[in-house]
Amino acid sequence: MPRIANRFHGPALVTNAAVTKFTVAAGELAIIRHIHVSNPSASAVDFTCSIGTDAAAVRIFDGYPIPADSVLDHFCYYVMTAAEFFQALAGTTNILTLTIDGERSVVG
């Protein structure tokens, strides 16, 4: 099963409501390898993201503060199956910029 490097989302601003950033297509697997969050503002902004509908049990980051003028680079290995989705939100709307990279594979 060959893996294809892919940018799943972004770079794009994050709102203050949980929004789906990408969904794994039917017949595919997705592996999130890198989550990059940039905060160009003069204040810390909280970041929350999840695999599935936003809830405490499925969050990867839960109100994680991204300091002013800094970035979060989270190198990871989250395997997602068909129809699973990734959601994100910020404590302040349209400040943080989110980019998600990984690999996708066609199953079968």
C-alpha atoms as a PDB file:
ATOM      1  CA  MET A   1       0.000   0.000   0.000  1.00  0.00           C
ATOM      2  CA  PRO A   2       1.955   3.063  -1.195  1.00  0.00           C
ATOM      3  CA  ARG A   3       1.795   6.205   0.878  1.00  0.00           C
ATOM      4  CA  ILE A   4       1.404   9.594  -0.748  1.00  0.00           C
ATOM      5  CA  ALA A   5       2.658  12.734   1.014  1.00  0.00           C
ATOM      6  CA  ASN A   6      -0.194  15.154   1.426  1.00  0.00           C
ATOM      7  CA  ARG A   7      -1.141  18.486   2.945  1.00  0.00           C
ATOM      8  CA  PHE A   8      -4.497  17.793   4.566  1.00  0.00           C
ATOM      9  CA  HIS A   9      -5.269  21.387   5.565  1.00  0.00           C
ATOM     10  CA  GLY A  10      -3.999  24.940   5.407  1.00  0.00           C
ATOM     11  CA  PRO A  11      -2.304  27.090   5.975  1.00  0.00           C
ATOM     12  CA  ALA A  12      -5.569  28.661   7.113  1.00  0.00           C
ATOM     13  CA  LEU A  13      -6.908  30.647  10.043  1.00  0.00           C
ATOM     14  CA  VAL A  14      -8.630  28.896  12.953  1.00  0.00           C
ATOM     15  CA  THR A  15     -11.973  30.183  14.263  1.00  0.00           C
ATOM     16  CA  ASN A  16     -13.259  30.099  17.838  1.00  0.00           C
ATOM     17  CA  ALA A  17     -15.752  27.299  17.067  1.00  0.00           C
ATOM     18  CA  ALA A  18     -14.932  23.648  16.393  1.00  0.00           C
ATOM     19  CA  VAL A  19     -14.769  23.224  12.609  1.00  0.00           C
ATOM     20  CA  THR A  20     -13.835  20.168  10.546  1.00  0.00           C
ATOM     21  CA  LYS A  21     -10.503  20.792   8.819  1.00  0.00           C
ATOM     22  CA  PHE A  22     -10.402  17.582   6.782  1.00  0.00           C
ATOM     23  CA  THR A  23     -12.166  14.225   6.448  1.00  0.00           C
ATOM     24  CA  VAL A  24     -10.560  10.969   5.339  1.00  0.00           C
ATOM     25  CA  ALA A  25     -12.015   9.848   2.006  1.00  0.00           C
ATOM     26  CA  ALA A  26     -13.784   6.521   1.538  1.00  0.00           C
ATOM     27  CA  GLY A  27     -11.335   3.704   0.851  1.00  0.00           C
ATOM     28  CA  GLU A  28      -8.351   5.592   2.299  1.00  0.00           C
ATOM     29  CA  LEU A  29      -6.233   5.808   5.426  1.00  0.00           C
ATOM     30  CA  ALA A  30      -4.624   9.061   6.538  1.00  0.00           C
ATOM     31  CA  ILE A  31      -1.641   9.451   8.816  1.00  0.00           C
ATOM     32  CA  ILE A  32      -1.165  12.875  10.365  1.00  0.00           C
ATOM     33  CA  ARG A  33       2.591  13.398  10.655  1.00  0.00           C
ATOM     34  CA  HIS A  34       2.862  17.116  11.467  1.00  0.00           C
ATOM     35  CA  ILE A  35       0.587  19.751  12.984  1.00  0.00           C
ATOM     36  CA  HIS A  36       1.922  23.306  12.664  1.00  0.00           C
ATOM     37  CA  VAL A  37       0.231  26.213  14.449  1.00  0.00           C
ATOM     38  CA  SER A  38       1.491  29.781  14.136  1.00  0.00           C
ATOM     39  CA  ASN A  39       0.552  32.664  16.446  1.00  0.00           C
ATOM     40  CA  PRO A  40       1.713  35.984  14.962  1.00  0.00           C
ATOM     41  CA  SER A  41      -0.158  38.075  17.549  1.00  0.00           C
ATOM     42  CA  ALA A  42       1.133  39.886  20.637  1.00  0.00           C
ATOM     43  CA  SER A  43      -0.871  37.626  23.012  1.00  0.00           C
ATOM     44  CA  ALA A  44      -1.055  33.920  23.799  1.00  0.00           C
ATOM     45  CA  VAL A  45      -3.976  32.106  22.150  1.00  0.00           C
ATOM     46  CA  ASP A  46      -5.357  28.710  23.221  1.00  0.00           C
ATOM     47  CA  PHE A  47      -5.511  25.909  20.648  1.00  0.00           C
ATOM     48  CA  THR A  48      -7.760  22.843  20.743  1.00  0.00           C
ATOM     49  CA  CYS A  49      -7.951  20.027  18.203  1.00  0.00           C
ATOM     50  CA  SER A  50      -9.484  16.578  18.040  1.00  0.00           C
ATOM     51  CA  ILE A  51      -9.970  13.519  15.900  1.00  0.00           C
ATOM     52  CA  GLY A  52     -13.736  13.261  15.660  1.00  0.00           C
ATOM     53  CA  THR A  53     -16.406  15.566  17.033  1.00  0.00           C
ATOM     54  CA  ASP A  54     -14.784  17.912  19.539  1.00  0.00           C
ATOM     55  CA  ALA A  55     -14.997  16.435  23.054  1.00  0.00           C
ATOM     56  CA  ALA A  56     -12.522  16.033  25.913  1.00  0.00           C
ATOM     57  CA  ALA A  57     -12.051  12.303  25.225  1.00  0.00           C
ATOM     58  CA  VAL A  58     -10.846  12.787  21.627  1.00  0.00           C
ATOM     59  CA  ARG A  59      -8.721  15.930  21.921  1.00  0.00           C
ATOM     60  CA  ILE A  60      -5.075  15.975  20.936  1.00  0.00           C
ATOM     61  CA  PHE A  61      -4.635  19.480  22.388  1.00  0.00           C
ATOM     62  CA  ASP A  62      -7.130  20.904  24.874  1.00  0.00           C
ATOM     63  CA  GLY A  63      -6.850  24.659  25.355  1.00  0.00           C
ATOM     64  CA  TYR A  64      -3.089  24.483  24.766  1.00  0.00           C
ATOM     65  CA  PRO A  65      -1.630  28.016  24.949  1.00  0.00           C
ATOM     66  CA  ILE A  66       0.409  29.064  21.914  1.00  0.00           C
ATOM     67  CA  PRO A  67       2.622  31.945  23.142  1.00  0.00           C
ATOM     68  CA  ALA A  68       2.713  35.289  21.368  1.00  0.00           C
ATOM     69  CA  ASP A  69       4.887  35.440  18.234  1.00  0.00           C
ATOM     70  CA  SER A  70       5.626  31.727  18.276  1.00  0.00           C
ATOM     71  CA  VAL A  71       4.762  28.395  16.681  1.00  0.00           C
ATOM     72  CA  LEU A  72       3.803  24.907  17.751  1.00  0.00           C
ATOM     73  CA  ASP A  73       5.360  22.128  15.662  1.00  0.00           C
ATOM     74  CA  HIS A  74       3.872  18.787  16.720  1.00  0.00           C
ATOM     75  CA  PHE A  75       5.482  15.858  14.915  1.00  0.00           C
ATOM     76  CA  CYS A  76       3.220  12.859  15.357  1.00  0.00           C
ATOM     77  CA  TYR A  77       1.771   9.639  13.969  1.00  0.00           C
ATOM     78  CA  TYR A  78      -2.043   9.640  14.150  1.00  0.00           C
ATOM     79  CA  VAL A  79      -3.664   7.002  11.935  1.00  0.00           C
ATOM     80  CA  MET A  80      -7.166   7.867  10.744  1.00  0.00           C
ATOM     81  CA  THR A  81      -9.571   5.647   8.817  1.00  0.00           C
ATOM     82  CA  ALA A  82     -12.208   6.430   6.187  1.00  0.00           C
ATOM     83  CA  ALA A  83     -14.838   8.967   7.319  1.00  0.00           C
ATOM     84  CA  GLU A  84     -12.853  10.050  10.408  1.00  0.00           C
ATOM     85  CA  PHE A  85     -12.314  13.794  10.592  1.00  0.00           C
ATOM     86  CA  PHE A  86     -10.077  16.359  12.276  1.00  0.00           C
ATOM     87  CA  GLN A  87     -11.517  19.412  14.037  1.00  0.00           C
ATOM     88  CA  ALA A  88      -9.833  22.495  15.504  1.00  0.00           C
ATOM     89  CA  LEU A  89     -10.695  25.713  17.303  1.00  0.00           C
ATOM     90  CA  ALA A  90      -8.886  28.630  18.935  1.00  0.00           C
ATOM     91  CA  GLY A  91      -9.528  30.748  22.013  1.00  0.00           C
ATOM     92  CA  THR A  92      -9.571  33.840  19.787  1.00  0.00           C
ATOM     93  CA  THR A  93     -10.947  33.692  16.257  1.00  0.00           C
ATOM     94  CA  ASN A  94      -8.787  34.243  13.152  1.00  0.00           C
ATOM     95  CA  ILE A  95      -5.431  34.650  14.892  1.00  0.00           C
ATOM     96  CA  LEU A  96      -3.834  31.191  14.736  1.00  0.00           C
ATOM     97  CA  THR A  97      -2.817  29.678  11.405  1.00  0.00           C
ATOM     98  CA  LEU A  98      -3.046  25.877  11.130  1.00  0.00           C
ATOM     99  CA  THR A  99      -1.328  23.534   8.677  1.00  0.00           C
ATOM    100  CA  ILE A 100      -1.686  19.734   8.806  1.00  0.00           C
ATOM    101  CA  ASP A 101       0.591  17.432   6.797  1.00  0.00           C
ATOM    102  CA  GLY A 102       0.748  13.688   6.504  1.00  0.00           C
ATOM    103  CA  GLU A 103       0.399  10.693   4.260  1.00  0.00           C
ATOM    104  CA  ARG A 104      -2.573   8.996   2.700  1.00  0.00           C
ATOM    105  CA  SER A 105      -2.967   5.456   1.428  1.00  0.00           C
ATOM    106  CA  VAL A 106      -5.633   3.839  -0.699  1.00  0.00           C
ATOM    107  CA  VAL A 107      -6.963   0.711   1.032  1.00  0.00           C
ATOM    108  CA  GLY A 108      -7.636  -2.434  -0.994  1.00  0.00           C
END
